[in-house]
C-alpha cells in the first residue's frame, strides 16, 4: 500500500468516493425538487422502470443495491403522480410489475436529456485520458464489490 495515501481518513479512497457521492446527491436532490417536484429516489426508480420494462421493486433493488422500502415508496409516489402504472405479477401475486405511462416516458426523456448534458459537463472536467481511466477503475471496483455482494 502506498504509505502517502492513508495519513488521515480524508485520504481514504472510500471516504473520497462517499463525499463525492454525497455532493452529487445533494446537488441532484435540489435540482429534482426545484425543477420537477420529484425526489432523487423517484428519479432513480423512474429511470429503472423506463429502461427495464416490467420491472419490480425487487428487480430495481437488486440492480441498484437500494433499499426495497425506499424503492417501494418512490414507486408508489410515481404511481400517484401518474408517471408509472403497476400490475400484479402473474408469476408472483405478491409482486407488482411497473411500466411507464406516456406522461412518465415524456418526463423521463426530458430529464434524461438534461442529466446527460450535466454528466458531460462533469466528464469535461477531466481530460479524455483521465475520464477513460477513472471510468475503467470505477467499473473494476464496482464489479469486485458487486461480486462480493452476491457471493455473501
C-alpha atoms as a PDB file:
ATOM      1  CA  UNK A   1       0.000   0.000   0.000  1.00  0.00           C
ATOM      2  CA  UNK A   2       1.240   3.476  -0.795  1.00  0.00           C
ATOM      3  CA  UNK A   3       2.173   4.977   2.605  1.00  0.00           C
ATOM      4  CA  UNK A   4       1.397   8.559   1.498  1.00  0.00           C
ATOM      5  CA  UNK A   5      -2.191   7.644   0.634  1.00  0.00           C
ATOM      6  CA  UNK A   6      -3.566   6.993   4.128  1.00  0.00           C
ATOM      7  CA  UNK A   7      -2.351   9.633   6.569  1.00  0.00           C
ATOM      8  CA  UNK A   8      -5.887  10.610   7.586  1.00  0.00           C
ATOM      9  CA  UNK A   9      -9.421   9.383   6.889  1.00  0.00           C
ATOM     10  CA  UNK A  10      -9.689  12.125   4.247  1.00  0.00           C
ATOM     11  CA  UNK A  11      -7.007  10.282   2.272  1.00  0.00           C
ATOM     12  CA  UNK A  12      -9.022   7.036   2.010  1.00  0.00           C
ATOM     13  CA  UNK A  13     -10.452   6.302  -1.435  1.00  0.00           C
ATOM     14  CA  UNK A  14     -13.711   5.088   0.104  1.00  0.00           C
ATOM     15  CA  UNK A  15     -14.047   8.346   2.061  1.00  0.00           C
ATOM     16  CA  UNK A  16     -13.451  10.467  -1.046  1.00  0.00           C
ATOM     17  CA  UNK A  17     -15.938   8.421  -3.083  1.00  0.00           C
ATOM     18  CA  UNK A  18     -18.514   8.754  -0.316  1.00  0.00           C
ATOM     19  CA  UNK A  19     -18.065  12.531  -0.140  1.00  0.00           C
ATOM     20  CA  UNK A  20     -18.261  12.875  -3.917  1.00  0.00           C
ATOM     21  CA  UNK A  21     -21.436  10.799  -3.943  1.00  0.00           C
ATOM     22  CA  UNK A  22     -22.985  12.968  -1.219  1.00  0.00           C
ATOM     23  CA  UNK A  23     -22.084  16.174  -3.056  1.00  0.00           C
ATOM     24  CA  UNK A  24     -23.594  14.888  -6.283  1.00  0.00           C
ATOM     25  CA  UNK A  25     -26.707  13.648  -4.461  1.00  0.00           C
ATOM     26  CA  UNK A  26     -27.221  16.998  -2.699  1.00  0.00           C
ATOM     27  CA  UNK A  27     -26.971  18.864  -5.970  1.00  0.00           C
ATOM     28  CA  UNK A  28     -29.273  16.386  -7.696  1.00  0.00           C
ATOM     29  CA  UNK A  29     -31.794  16.420  -4.852  1.00  0.00           C
ATOM     30  CA  UNK A  30     -32.153  20.207  -5.064  1.00  0.00           C
ATOM     31  CA  UNK A  31     -32.339  20.069  -8.855  1.00  0.00           C
ATOM     32  CA  UNK A  32     -35.102  17.442  -8.958  1.00  0.00           C
ATOM     33  CA  UNK A  33     -37.125  19.130  -6.232  1.00  0.00           C
ATOM     34  CA  UNK A  34     -36.931  22.582  -7.808  1.00  0.00           C
ATOM     35  CA  UNK A  35     -37.273  21.673 -11.470  1.00  0.00           C
ATOM     36  CA  UNK A  36     -39.553  18.623 -11.431  1.00  0.00           C
ATOM     37  CA  UNK A  37     -41.130  18.318  -7.960  1.00  0.00           C
ATOM     38  CA  UNK A  38     -39.523  14.904  -7.803  1.00  0.00           C
ATOM     39  CA  UNK A  39     -37.226  13.258  -5.283  1.00  0.00           C
ATOM     40  CA  UNK A  40     -33.922  11.723  -6.247  1.00  0.00           C
ATOM     41  CA  UNK A  41     -35.308   8.309  -5.223  1.00  0.00           C
ATOM     42  CA  UNK A  42     -38.281   8.822  -7.556  1.00  0.00           C
ATOM     43  CA  UNK A  43     -35.951   9.734 -10.428  1.00  0.00           C
ATOM     44  CA  UNK A  44     -33.782   6.680  -9.845  1.00  0.00           C
ATOM     45  CA  UNK A  45     -36.881   4.489  -9.730  1.00  0.00           C
ATOM     46  CA  UNK A  46     -38.312   6.078 -12.887  1.00  0.00           C
ATOM     47  CA  UNK A  47     -35.021   5.510 -14.740  1.00  0.00           C
ATOM     48  CA  UNK A  48     -35.015   1.822 -13.884  1.00  0.00           C
ATOM     49  CA  UNK A  49     -38.642   1.349 -14.900  1.00  0.00           C
ATOM     50  CA  UNK A  50     -38.236   3.336 -18.128  1.00  0.00           C
ATOM     51  CA  UNK A  51     -35.117   1.423 -19.141  1.00  0.00           C
ATOM     52  CA  UNK A  52     -36.233  -2.033 -17.934  1.00  0.00           C
ATOM     53  CA  UNK A  53     -39.829  -2.678 -18.931  1.00  0.00           C
ATOM     54  CA  UNK A  54     -41.950  -4.595 -16.475  1.00  0.00           C
ATOM     55  CA  UNK A  55     -39.560  -4.488 -13.555  1.00  0.00           C
ATOM     56  CA  UNK A  56     -40.462  -4.977  -9.904  1.00  0.00           C
ATOM     57  CA  UNK A  57     -39.267  -3.316  -6.707  1.00  0.00           C
ATOM     58  CA  UNK A  58     -37.080  -6.357  -6.138  1.00  0.00           C
ATOM     59  CA  UNK A  59     -35.570  -6.061  -9.638  1.00  0.00           C
ATOM     60  CA  UNK A  60     -34.728  -2.406  -9.009  1.00  0.00           C
ATOM     61  CA  UNK A  61     -33.297  -3.177  -5.573  1.00  0.00           C
ATOM     62  CA  UNK A  62     -31.039  -5.894  -6.965  1.00  0.00           C
ATOM     63  CA  UNK A  63     -29.906  -3.718  -9.864  1.00  0.00           C
ATOM     64  CA  UNK A  64     -29.187  -0.603  -7.763  1.00  0.00           C
ATOM     65  CA  UNK A  65     -28.378  -2.064  -4.320  1.00  0.00           C
ATOM     66  CA  UNK A  66     -31.021   0.273  -2.885  1.00  0.00           C
ATOM     67  CA  UNK A  67     -33.387  -0.407  -0.010  1.00  0.00           C
ATOM     68  CA  UNK A  68     -36.604  -2.130  -1.140  1.00  0.00           C
ATOM     69  CA  UNK A  69     -38.692   0.024   1.199  1.00  0.00           C
ATOM     70  CA  UNK A  70     -37.315   3.234  -0.288  1.00  0.00           C
ATOM     71  CA  UNK A  71     -37.930   1.948  -3.821  1.00  0.00           C
ATOM     72  CA  UNK A  72     -41.438   0.834  -2.929  1.00  0.00           C
ATOM     73  CA  UNK A  73     -42.290   4.289  -1.531  1.00  0.00           C
ATOM     74  CA  UNK A  74     -40.782   6.007  -4.588  1.00  0.00           C
ATOM     75  CA  UNK A  75     -42.734   3.707  -6.924  1.00  0.00           C
ATOM     76  CA  UNK A  76     -45.969   4.450  -5.083  1.00  0.00           C
ATOM     77  CA  UNK A  77     -45.295   8.182  -5.362  1.00  0.00           C
ATOM     78  CA  UNK A  78     -44.672   7.772  -9.111  1.00  0.00           C
ATOM     79  CA  UNK A  79     -47.981   5.905  -9.434  1.00  0.00           C
ATOM     80  CA  UNK A  80     -49.733   8.736  -7.581  1.00  0.00           C
ATOM     81  CA  UNK A  81     -48.145  11.277  -9.953  1.00  0.00           C
ATOM     82  CA  UNK A  82     -49.311   9.259 -12.967  1.00  0.00           C
ATOM     83  CA  UNK A  83     -45.764   8.550 -14.180  1.00  0.00           C
ATOM     84  CA  UNK A  84     -45.914   4.747 -13.858  1.00  0.00           C
ATOM     85  CA  UNK A  85     -48.556   2.051 -13.513  1.00  0.00           C
ATOM     86  CA  UNK A  86     -48.323  -1.251 -11.736  1.00  0.00           C
ATOM     87  CA  UNK A  87     -49.881  -4.623 -12.449  1.00  0.00           C
ATOM     88  CA  UNK A  88     -49.730  -7.791 -10.363  1.00  0.00           C
ATOM     89  CA  UNK A  89     -47.011 -10.158 -11.475  1.00  0.00           C
ATOM     90  CA  UNK A  90     -48.737 -13.282 -12.832  1.00  0.00           C
ATOM     91  CA  UNK A  91     -45.847 -15.418 -11.539  1.00  0.00           C
ATOM     92  CA  UNK A  92     -45.821 -13.876  -8.055  1.00  0.00           C
ATOM     93  CA  UNK A  93     -49.039 -12.195  -6.943  1.00  0.00           C
ATOM     94  CA  UNK A  94     -47.206 -10.501  -4.040  1.00  0.00           C
ATOM     95  CA  UNK A  95     -45.137  -8.548  -6.528  1.00  0.00           C
ATOM     96  CA  UNK A  96     -46.061  -5.684  -8.860  1.00  0.00           C
ATOM     97  CA  UNK A  97     -44.559  -5.115 -12.294  1.00  0.00           C
ATOM     98  CA  UNK A  98     -44.258  -1.471 -13.251  1.00  0.00           C
ATOM     99  CA  UNK A  99     -44.153   0.310 -16.588  1.00  0.00           C
ATOM    100  CA  UNK A 100     -44.022   3.975 -17.508  1.00  0.00           C
ATOM    101  CA  UNK A 101     -47.092   5.865 -18.665  1.00  0.00           C
ATOM    102  CA  UNK A 102     -46.889   8.220 -21.655  1.00  0.00           C
ATOM    103  CA  UNK A 103     -46.579  11.087 -19.132  1.00  0.00           C
ATOM    104  CA  UNK A 104     -43.780   9.198 -17.357  1.00  0.00           C
ATOM    105  CA  UNK A 105     -41.974   8.482 -20.619  1.00  0.00           C
ATOM    106  CA  UNK A 106     -42.102  12.162 -21.605  1.00  0.00           C
ATOM    107  CA  UNK A 107     -40.835  13.183 -18.154  1.00  0.00           C
ATOM    108  CA  UNK A 108     -38.059  10.574 -18.301  1.00  0.00           C
ATOM    109  CA  UNK A 109     -36.929  11.668 -21.764  1.00  0.00           C
ATOM    110  CA  UNK A 110     -36.781  15.361 -20.909  1.00  0.00           C
ATOM    111  CA  UNK A 111     -34.949  14.795 -17.611  1.00  0.00           C
ATOM    112  CA  UNK A 112     -32.602  12.235 -19.171  1.00  0.00           C
ATOM    113  CA  UNK A 113     -31.512  14.724 -21.842  1.00  0.00           C
ATOM    114  CA  UNK A 114     -30.720  17.307 -19.151  1.00  0.00           C
ATOM    115  CA  UNK A 115     -28.886  14.757 -16.987  1.00  0.00           C
ATOM    116  CA  UNK A 116     -26.888  13.591 -19.999  1.00  0.00           C
ATOM    117  CA  UNK A 117     -25.725  17.169 -20.628  1.00  0.00           C
ATOM    118  CA  UNK A 118     -24.840  17.633 -16.958  1.00  0.00           C
ATOM    119  CA  UNK A 119     -22.940  14.346 -16.949  1.00  0.00           C
ATOM    120  CA  UNK A 120     -20.969  15.523 -19.974  1.00  0.00           C
ATOM    121  CA  UNK A 121     -20.090  18.766 -18.163  1.00  0.00           C
ATOM    122  CA  UNK A 122     -18.676  16.694 -15.294  1.00  0.00           C
ATOM    123  CA  UNK A 123     -16.765  14.420 -17.664  1.00  0.00           C
ATOM    124  CA  UNK A 124     -15.370  17.506 -19.412  1.00  0.00           C
ATOM    125  CA  UNK A 125     -13.638  18.496 -16.155  1.00  0.00           C
ATOM    126  CA  UNK A 126     -11.253  15.621 -16.872  1.00  0.00           C
ATOM    127  CA  UNK A 127      -9.030  15.033 -19.859  1.00  0.00           C
ATOM    128  CA  UNK A 128     -10.226  12.232 -22.163  1.00  0.00           C
ATOM    129  CA  UNK A 129      -7.455  10.002 -20.776  1.00  0.00           C
ATOM    130  CA  UNK A 130      -8.365  10.785 -17.150  1.00  0.00           C
ATOM    131  CA  UNK A 131     -12.029  10.133 -17.855  1.00  0.00           C
ATOM    132  CA  UNK A 132     -11.331   6.789 -19.528  1.00  0.00           C
ATOM    133  CA  UNK A 133      -9.001   5.616 -16.738  1.00  0.00           C
ATOM    134  CA  UNK A 134     -11.346   6.842 -13.988  1.00  0.00           C
ATOM    135  CA  UNK A 135     -14.345   5.048 -15.504  1.00  0.00           C
ATOM    136  CA  UNK A 136     -12.303   1.873 -16.008  1.00  0.00           C
ATOM    137  CA  UNK A 137     -11.219   1.988 -12.362  1.00  0.00           C
ATOM    138  CA  UNK A 138     -14.803   2.555 -11.189  1.00  0.00           C
ATOM    139  CA  UNK A 139     -16.008  -0.362 -13.325  1.00  0.00           C
ATOM    140  CA  UNK A 140     -13.302  -2.600 -11.852  1.00  0.00           C
ATOM    141  CA  UNK A 141     -14.162  -1.630  -8.268  1.00  0.00           C
ATOM    142  CA  UNK A 142     -17.899  -1.923  -8.844  1.00  0.00           C
ATOM    143  CA  UNK A 143     -17.527  -5.368 -10.396  1.00  0.00           C
ATOM    144  CA  UNK A 144     -15.441  -6.541  -7.440  1.00  0.00           C
ATOM    145  CA  UNK A 145     -17.843  -5.231  -4.823  1.00  0.00           C
ATOM    146  CA  UNK A 146     -20.907  -6.463  -6.733  1.00  0.00           C
ATOM    147  CA  UNK A 147     -19.327  -9.919  -6.910  1.00  0.00           C
ATOM    148  CA  UNK A 148     -18.590  -9.839  -3.182  1.00  0.00           C
ATOM    149  CA  UNK A 149     -22.204  -8.735  -2.529  1.00  0.00           C
ATOM    150  CA  UNK A 150     -23.688 -11.644  -4.466  1.00  0.00           C
ATOM    151  CA  UNK A 151     -21.193 -14.145  -3.009  1.00  0.00           C
ATOM    152  CA  UNK A 152     -22.087 -13.439   0.618  1.00  0.00           C
END
